């Protein structure tokens, strides 16, 4: 009743301040939710010890020393046993994993084929899933025959793997990663020696 007795301009200012206070409280609550997600709810990923300081003296830059590379699989290029490799997930939005019919022209093994047809999952010898393109176990094939090899592929460091991979313990048979201790070593690229010398004018 006291507020109704105040002038209209005073009541308007009080209501506006109350509205602004509600917006401020909502913004603070939303910020707290984001902070809680980042620090408490987000999956904690393992960090490998950084060694070998590089760069100028006193630099804080480091490179990571990965374990030694495993022996890669020995595949007889003359084998006649045909293998089917199924790309189950997309690869960062690409259903074909940015490949075409000419991608594997230089592959020494010819007795295999790559497909994205999920209807062939029962016939596929290997099924490849990109870690950034599935969210829950329900996104994986409905069954895993014991003879079928499931491959977990990743091209990002652990910090950018936004799910708890512990849910998939004993699910995948092989890993395909840029790390040299992966079952299938798949780096971004490599350095090669130039065939022709490069002359620079300084």
C-alpha atoms as a PDB file:
ATOM      1  CA  UNK A   1       0.000   0.000   0.000  1.00  0.00           C
ATOM      2  CA  UNK A   2       2.865   2.359   0.722  1.00  0.00           C
ATOM      3  CA  UNK A   3       4.284   1.836  -2.774  1.00  0.00           C
ATOM      4  CA  UNK A   4       0.920   2.691  -4.338  1.00  0.00           C
ATOM      5  CA  UNK A   5       1.021   6.028  -2.513  1.00  0.00           C
ATOM      6  CA  UNK A   6       4.386   6.965  -4.105  1.00  0.00           C
ATOM      7  CA  UNK A   7       4.450   9.106  -7.259  1.00  0.00           C
ATOM      8  CA  UNK A   8       4.250   7.194 -10.548  1.00  0.00           C
ATOM      9  CA  UNK A   9       7.808   8.176 -11.562  1.00  0.00           C
ATOM     10  CA  UNK A  10       9.219   6.750  -8.322  1.00  0.00           C
ATOM     11  CA  UNK A  11       7.301   3.487  -8.782  1.00  0.00           C
ATOM     12  CA  UNK A  12       8.599   3.233 -12.381  1.00  0.00           C
ATOM     13  CA  UNK A  13      12.206   3.706 -11.268  1.00  0.00           C
ATOM     14  CA  UNK A  14      11.832   1.066  -8.556  1.00  0.00           C
ATOM     15  CA  UNK A  15      10.340  -1.440 -11.020  1.00  0.00           C
ATOM     16  CA  UNK A  16      13.085  -0.748 -13.555  1.00  0.00           C
ATOM     17  CA  UNK A  17      15.769  -1.253 -10.922  1.00  0.00           C
ATOM     18  CA  UNK A  18      14.086  -4.471  -9.834  1.00  0.00           C
ATOM     19  CA  UNK A  19      14.036  -5.662 -13.444  1.00  0.00           C
ATOM     20  CA  UNK A  20      17.708  -4.781 -13.934  1.00  0.00           C
ATOM     21  CA  UNK A  21      18.575  -6.600 -10.706  1.00  0.00           C
ATOM     22  CA  UNK A  22      16.785  -9.732 -11.945  1.00  0.00           C
ATOM     23  CA  UNK A  23      18.709  -9.604 -15.235  1.00  0.00           C
ATOM     24  CA  UNK A  24      21.978  -9.190 -13.368  1.00  0.00           C
ATOM     25  CA  UNK A  25      21.225 -12.140 -11.082  1.00  0.00           C
ATOM     26  CA  UNK A  26      20.305 -14.270 -14.101  1.00  0.00           C
ATOM     27  CA  UNK A  27      23.568 -13.353 -15.853  1.00  0.00           C
ATOM     28  CA  UNK A  28      25.570 -14.226 -12.734  1.00  0.00           C
ATOM     29  CA  UNK A  29      23.770 -17.560 -12.374  1.00  0.00           C
ATOM     30  CA  UNK A  30      24.415 -18.389 -16.040  1.00  0.00           C
ATOM     31  CA  UNK A  31      28.101 -17.510 -15.654  1.00  0.00           C
ATOM     32  CA  UNK A  32      28.349 -19.768 -12.588  1.00  0.00           C
ATOM     33  CA  UNK A  33      26.816 -22.639 -14.565  1.00  0.00           C
ATOM     34  CA  UNK A  34      29.382 -22.208 -17.339  1.00  0.00           C
ATOM     35  CA  UNK A  35      32.249 -22.057 -14.855  1.00  0.00           C
ATOM     36  CA  UNK A  36      30.954 -25.144 -13.059  1.00  0.00           C
ATOM     37  CA  UNK A  37      30.737 -27.042 -16.345  1.00  0.00           C
ATOM     38  CA  UNK A  38      34.268 -26.100 -17.317  1.00  0.00           C
ATOM     39  CA  UNK A  39      35.925 -26.903 -14.009  1.00  0.00           C
ATOM     40  CA  UNK A  40      33.774 -29.603 -12.445  1.00  0.00           C
ATOM     41  CA  UNK A  41      31.570 -31.351 -14.974  1.00  0.00           C
ATOM     42  CA  UNK A  42      33.913 -31.526 -17.941  1.00  0.00           C
ATOM     43  CA  UNK A  43      35.785 -34.803 -18.226  1.00  0.00           C
ATOM     44  CA  UNK A  44      39.288 -34.613 -16.858  1.00  0.00           C
ATOM     45  CA  UNK A  45      41.634 -35.966 -19.509  1.00  0.00           C
ATOM     46  CA  UNK A  46      45.110 -37.332 -18.812  1.00  0.00           C
ATOM     47  CA  UNK A  47      48.048 -35.065 -19.453  1.00  0.00           C
ATOM     48  CA  UNK A  48      51.388 -36.427 -20.528  1.00  0.00           C
ATOM     49  CA  UNK A  49      54.517 -35.061 -18.984  1.00  0.00           C
ATOM     50  CA  UNK A  50      56.210 -32.418 -21.110  1.00  0.00           C
ATOM     51  CA  UNK A  51      59.942 -32.656 -21.562  1.00  0.00           C
ATOM     52  CA  UNK A  52      62.723 -31.253 -23.710  1.00  0.00           C
ATOM     53  CA  UNK A  53      62.458 -27.442 -23.560  1.00  0.00           C
ATOM     54  CA  UNK A  54      62.890 -25.920 -27.005  1.00  0.00           C
ATOM     55  CA  UNK A  55      63.280 -22.466 -28.428  1.00  0.00           C
ATOM     56  CA  UNK A  56      65.320 -19.630 -27.005  1.00  0.00           C
ATOM     57  CA  UNK A  57      66.998 -19.921 -23.650  1.00  0.00           C
ATOM     58  CA  UNK A  58      64.491 -19.393 -20.901  1.00  0.00           C
ATOM     59  CA  UNK A  59      61.567 -20.207 -23.164  1.00  0.00           C
ATOM     60  CA  UNK A  60      58.594 -21.919 -21.550  1.00  0.00           C
ATOM     61  CA  UNK A  61      57.693 -23.838 -24.715  1.00  0.00           C
ATOM     62  CA  UNK A  62      57.853 -27.615 -24.535  1.00  0.00           C
ATOM     63  CA  UNK A  63      57.286 -30.601 -26.724  1.00  0.00           C
ATOM     64  CA  UNK A  64      55.845 -33.862 -25.492  1.00  0.00           C
ATOM     65  CA  UNK A  65      57.891 -37.040 -25.536  1.00  0.00           C
ATOM     66  CA  UNK A  66      55.626 -39.863 -26.627  1.00  0.00           C
ATOM     67  CA  UNK A  67      56.451 -43.519 -25.970  1.00  0.00           C
ATOM     68  CA  UNK A  68      58.317 -45.377 -28.683  1.00  0.00           C
ATOM     69  CA  UNK A  69      56.319 -46.411 -31.688  1.00  0.00           C
ATOM     70  CA  UNK A  70      55.020 -49.952 -31.830  1.00  0.00           C
ATOM     71  CA  UNK A  71      55.825 -52.244 -34.700  1.00  0.00           C
ATOM     72  CA  UNK A  72      53.287 -51.572 -37.411  1.00  0.00           C
ATOM     73  CA  UNK A  73      51.121 -54.329 -38.772  1.00  0.00           C
ATOM     74  CA  UNK A  74      52.723 -56.508 -41.391  1.00  0.00           C
ATOM     75  CA  UNK A  75      50.361 -56.897 -44.323  1.00  0.00           C
ATOM     76  CA  UNK A  76      51.227 -59.056 -47.279  1.00  0.00           C
ATOM     77  CA  UNK A  77      50.566 -56.880 -50.372  1.00  0.00           C
ATOM     78  CA  UNK A  78      49.973 -60.057 -52.391  1.00  0.00           C
ATOM     79  CA  UNK A  79      47.120 -61.300 -50.232  1.00  0.00           C
ATOM     80  CA  UNK A  80      43.917 -62.252 -52.033  1.00  0.00           C
ATOM     81  CA  UNK A  81      41.643 -62.208 -48.985  1.00  0.00           C
ATOM     82  CA  UNK A  82      39.306 -59.274 -49.502  1.00  0.00           C
ATOM     83  CA  UNK A  83      38.653 -57.005 -46.516  1.00  0.00           C
ATOM     84  CA  UNK A  84      35.851 -54.488 -46.091  1.00  0.00           C
ATOM     85  CA  UNK A  85      36.516 -51.327 -44.043  1.00  0.00           C
ATOM     86  CA  UNK A  86      33.422 -49.431 -42.922  1.00  0.00           C
ATOM     87  CA  UNK A  87      33.614 -45.745 -41.999  1.00  0.00           C
ATOM     88  CA  UNK A  88      30.790 -45.718 -39.459  1.00  0.00           C
ATOM     89  CA  UNK A  89      30.848 -42.084 -38.376  1.00  0.00           C
ATOM     90  CA  UNK A  90      31.489 -38.873 -40.196  1.00  0.00           C
ATOM     91  CA  UNK A  91      34.878 -37.192 -40.027  1.00  0.00           C
ATOM     92  CA  UNK A  92      34.295 -33.609 -38.894  1.00  0.00           C
ATOM     93  CA  UNK A  93      31.153 -33.401 -40.988  1.00  0.00           C
ATOM     94  CA  UNK A  94      32.423 -35.351 -43.996  1.00  0.00           C
ATOM     95  CA  UNK A  95      30.626 -38.639 -44.613  1.00  0.00           C
ATOM     96  CA  UNK A  96      33.384 -39.774 -46.981  1.00  0.00           C
ATOM     97  CA  UNK A  97      36.199 -38.631 -44.660  1.00  0.00           C
ATOM     98  CA  UNK A  98      37.363 -36.264 -47.432  1.00  0.00           C
ATOM     99  CA  UNK A  99      38.314 -39.194 -49.665  1.00  0.00           C
ATOM    100  CA  UNK A 100      37.347 -40.237 -53.187  1.00  0.00           C
ATOM    101  CA  UNK A 101      37.835 -43.183 -55.501  1.00  0.00           C
ATOM    102  CA  UNK A 102      41.445 -42.140 -56.179  1.00  0.00           C
ATOM    103  CA  UNK A 103      42.584 -41.795 -52.565  1.00  0.00           C
ATOM    104  CA  UNK A 104      43.973 -45.314 -52.272  1.00  0.00           C
ATOM    105  CA  UNK A 105      45.442 -45.645 -55.763  1.00  0.00           C
ATOM    106  CA  UNK A 106      48.985 -45.806 -54.383  1.00  0.00           C
ATOM    107  CA  UNK A 107      48.160 -48.236 -51.595  1.00  0.00           C
ATOM    108  CA  UNK A 108      50.233 -51.421 -52.048  1.00  0.00           C
ATOM    109  CA  UNK A 109      47.353 -53.559 -50.761  1.00  0.00           C
ATOM    110  CA  UNK A 110      44.572 -53.958 -53.314  1.00  0.00           C
ATOM    111  CA  UNK A 111      42.461 -56.638 -51.620  1.00  0.00           C
ATOM    112  CA  UNK A 112      40.338 -54.227 -49.585  1.00  0.00           C
ATOM    113  CA  UNK A 113      37.561 -51.729 -50.063  1.00  0.00           C
ATOM    114  CA  UNK A 114      36.323 -48.769 -48.037  1.00  0.00           C
ATOM    115  CA  UNK A 115      32.627 -48.050 -47.684  1.00  0.00           C
ATOM    116  CA  UNK A 116      30.299 -45.696 -45.815  1.00  0.00           C
ATOM    117  CA  UNK A 117      27.245 -47.915 -46.267  1.00  0.00           C
ATOM    118  CA  UNK A 118      26.106 -48.822 -42.753  1.00  0.00           C
ATOM    119  CA  UNK A 119      23.995 -51.647 -44.143  1.00  0.00           C
ATOM    120  CA  UNK A 120      27.257 -53.550 -44.676  1.00  0.00           C
ATOM    121  CA  UNK A 121      28.200 -53.475 -40.999  1.00  0.00           C
ATOM    122  CA  UNK A 122      27.595 -57.218 -40.622  1.00  0.00           C
ATOM    123  CA  UNK A 123      30.054 -57.932 -43.449  1.00  0.00           C
ATOM    124  CA  UNK A 124      32.724 -55.373 -42.516  1.00  0.00           C
ATOM    125  CA  UNK A 125      36.020 -56.702 -41.210  1.00  0.00           C
ATOM    126  CA  UNK A 126      36.887 -53.339 -39.635  1.00  0.00           C
ATOM    127  CA  UNK A 127      34.657 -50.497 -38.448  1.00  0.00           C
ATOM    128  CA  UNK A 128      36.198 -47.047 -37.969  1.00  0.00           C
ATOM    129  CA  UNK A 129      34.726 -44.394 -35.659  1.00  0.00           C
ATOM    130  CA  UNK A 130      36.050 -40.856 -35.324  1.00  0.00           C
ATOM    131  CA  UNK A 131      36.108 -39.888 -31.655  1.00  0.00           C
ATOM    132  CA  UNK A 132      34.748 -36.384 -32.294  1.00  0.00           C
ATOM    133  CA  UNK A 133      31.743 -37.613 -34.283  1.00  0.00           C
ATOM    134  CA  UNK A 134      29.885 -39.745 -31.759  1.00  0.00           C
ATOM    135  CA  UNK A 135      28.594 -38.810 -28.323  1.00  0.00           C
ATOM    136  CA  UNK A 136      27.173 -41.881 -26.606  1.00  0.00           C
ATOM    137  CA  UNK A 137      27.460 -45.675 -26.906  1.00  0.00           C
ATOM    138  CA  UNK A 138      24.103 -45.662 -28.702  1.00  0.00           C
ATOM    139  CA  UNK A 139      25.844 -43.966 -31.659  1.00  0.00           C
ATOM    140  CA  UNK A 140      27.960 -47.086 -32.231  1.00  0.00           C
ATOM    141  CA  UNK A 141      26.898 -50.188 -34.180  1.00  0.00           C
ATOM    142  CA  UNK A 142      24.259 -52.243 -32.336  1.00  0.00           C
ATOM    143  CA  UNK A 143      26.449 -55.355 -32.077  1.00  0.00           C
ATOM    144  CA  UNK A 144      30.156 -56.169 -32.084  1.00  0.00           C
ATOM    145  CA  UNK A 145      31.002 -59.599 -33.512  1.00  0.00           C
ATOM    146  CA  UNK A 146      34.183 -61.076 -32.002  1.00  0.00           C
ATOM    147  CA  UNK A 147      35.874 -61.323 -35.401  1.00  0.00           C
ATOM    148  CA  UNK A 148      35.203 -57.668 -36.283  1.00  0.00           C
ATOM    149  CA  UNK A 149      37.840 -55.030 -35.498  1.00  0.00           C
ATOM    150  CA  UNK A 150      36.581 -51.731 -34.118  1.00  0.00           C
ATOM    151  CA  UNK A 151      38.998 -48.843 -34.618  1.00  0.00           C
ATOM    152  CA  UNK A 152      38.843 -45.614 -32.608  1.00  0.00           C
ATOM    153  CA  UNK A 153      40.302 -42.815 -34.712  1.00  0.00           C
ATOM    154  CA  UNK A 154      41.334 -39.412 -33.443  1.00  0.00           C
ATOM    155  CA  UNK A 155      43.319 -36.492 -34.764  1.00  0.00           C
ATOM    156  CA  UNK A 156      42.956 -34.165 -31.787  1.00  0.00           C
ATOM    157  CA  UNK A 157      44.861 -34.013 -28.482  1.00  0.00           C
ATOM    158  CA  UNK A 158      43.075 -35.395 -25.407  1.00  0.00           C
ATOM    159  CA  UNK A 159      41.999 -31.921 -24.257  1.00  0.00           C
ATOM    160  CA  UNK A 160      39.621 -31.709 -27.228  1.00  0.00           C
ATOM    161  CA  UNK A 161      38.046 -35.112 -26.687  1.00  0.00           C
ATOM    162  CA  UNK A 162      34.829 -33.980 -25.037  1.00  0.00           C
ATOM    163  CA  UNK A 163      33.574 -37.221 -23.582  1.00  0.00           C
ATOM    164  CA  UNK A 164      34.592 -39.771 -21.010  1.00  0.00           C
ATOM    165  CA  UNK A 165      36.299 -42.534 -22.985  1.00  0.00           C
ATOM    166  CA  UNK A 166      36.296 -44.779 -19.936  1.00  0.00           C
ATOM    167  CA  UNK A 167      32.780 -45.741 -20.998  1.00  0.00           C
ATOM    168  CA  UNK A 168      34.358 -47.511 -23.959  1.00  0.00           C
ATOM    169  CA  UNK A 169      36.859 -49.677 -22.113  1.00  0.00           C
ATOM    170  CA  UNK A 170      37.139 -53.062 -23.850  1.00  0.00           C
ATOM    171  CA  UNK A 171      34.933 -51.816 -26.698  1.00  0.00           C
ATOM    172  CA  UNK A 172      37.519 -50.844 -29.308  1.00  0.00           C
ATOM    173  CA  UNK A 173      40.180 -53.231 -30.556  1.00  0.00           C
ATOM    174  CA  UNK A 174      42.613 -50.777 -32.124  1.00  0.00           C
ATOM    175  CA  UNK A 175      43.407 -47.075 -31.948  1.00  0.00           C
ATOM    176  CA  UNK A 176      44.319 -44.842 -34.858  1.00  0.00           C
ATOM    177  CA  UNK A 177      45.952 -41.633 -33.649  1.00  0.00           C
ATOM    178  CA  UNK A 178      48.743 -39.174 -34.285  1.00  0.00           C
ATOM    179  CA  UNK A 179      50.557 -40.606 -31.274  1.00  0.00           C
ATOM    180  CA  UNK A 180      53.313 -43.024 -32.137  1.00  0.00           C
ATOM    181  CA  UNK A 181      52.129 -45.564 -29.566  1.00  0.00           C
ATOM    182  CA  UNK A 182      48.760 -45.987 -31.294  1.00  0.00           C
ATOM    183  CA  UNK A 183      48.006 -49.277 -32.999  1.00  0.00           C
ATOM    184  CA  UNK A 184      47.772 -47.423 -36.309  1.00  0.00           C
ATOM    185  CA  UNK A 185      50.091 -44.423 -36.437  1.00  0.00           C
ATOM    186  CA  UNK A 186      48.281 -41.733 -38.447  1.00  0.00           C
ATOM    187  CA  UNK A 187      50.188 -38.445 -38.229  1.00  0.00           C
ATOM    188  CA  UNK A 188      49.152 -35.171 -39.796  1.00  0.00           C
ATOM    189  CA  UNK A 189      52.167 -35.306 -42.104  1.00  0.00           C
ATOM    190  CA  UNK A 190      55.924 -35.655 -42.176  1.00  0.00           C
ATOM    191  CA  UNK A 191      59.076 -33.812 -43.191  1.00  0.00           C
ATOM    192  CA  UNK A 192      60.891 -34.967 -46.319  1.00  0.00           C
ATOM    193  CA  UNK A 193      64.182 -33.956 -47.872  1.00  0.00           C
ATOM    194  CA  UNK A 194      63.905 -31.667 -50.873  1.00  0.00           C
ATOM    195  CA  UNK A 195      65.033 -33.195 -54.129  1.00  0.00           C
ATOM    196  CA  UNK A 196      66.184 -29.862 -55.512  1.00  0.00           C
ATOM    197  CA  UNK A 197      68.055 -27.278 -53.501  1.00  0.00           C
ATOM    198  CA  UNK A 198      66.217 -24.059 -52.780  1.00  0.00           C
ATOM    199  CA  UNK A 199      68.028 -20.805 -53.489  1.00  0.00           C
ATOM    200  CA  UNK A 200      66.924 -17.740 -51.594  1.00  0.00           C
ATOM    201  CA  UNK A 201      67.807 -14.150 -52.289  1.00  0.00           C
ATOM    202  CA  UNK A 202      68.182 -12.210 -49.070  1.00  0.00           C
END
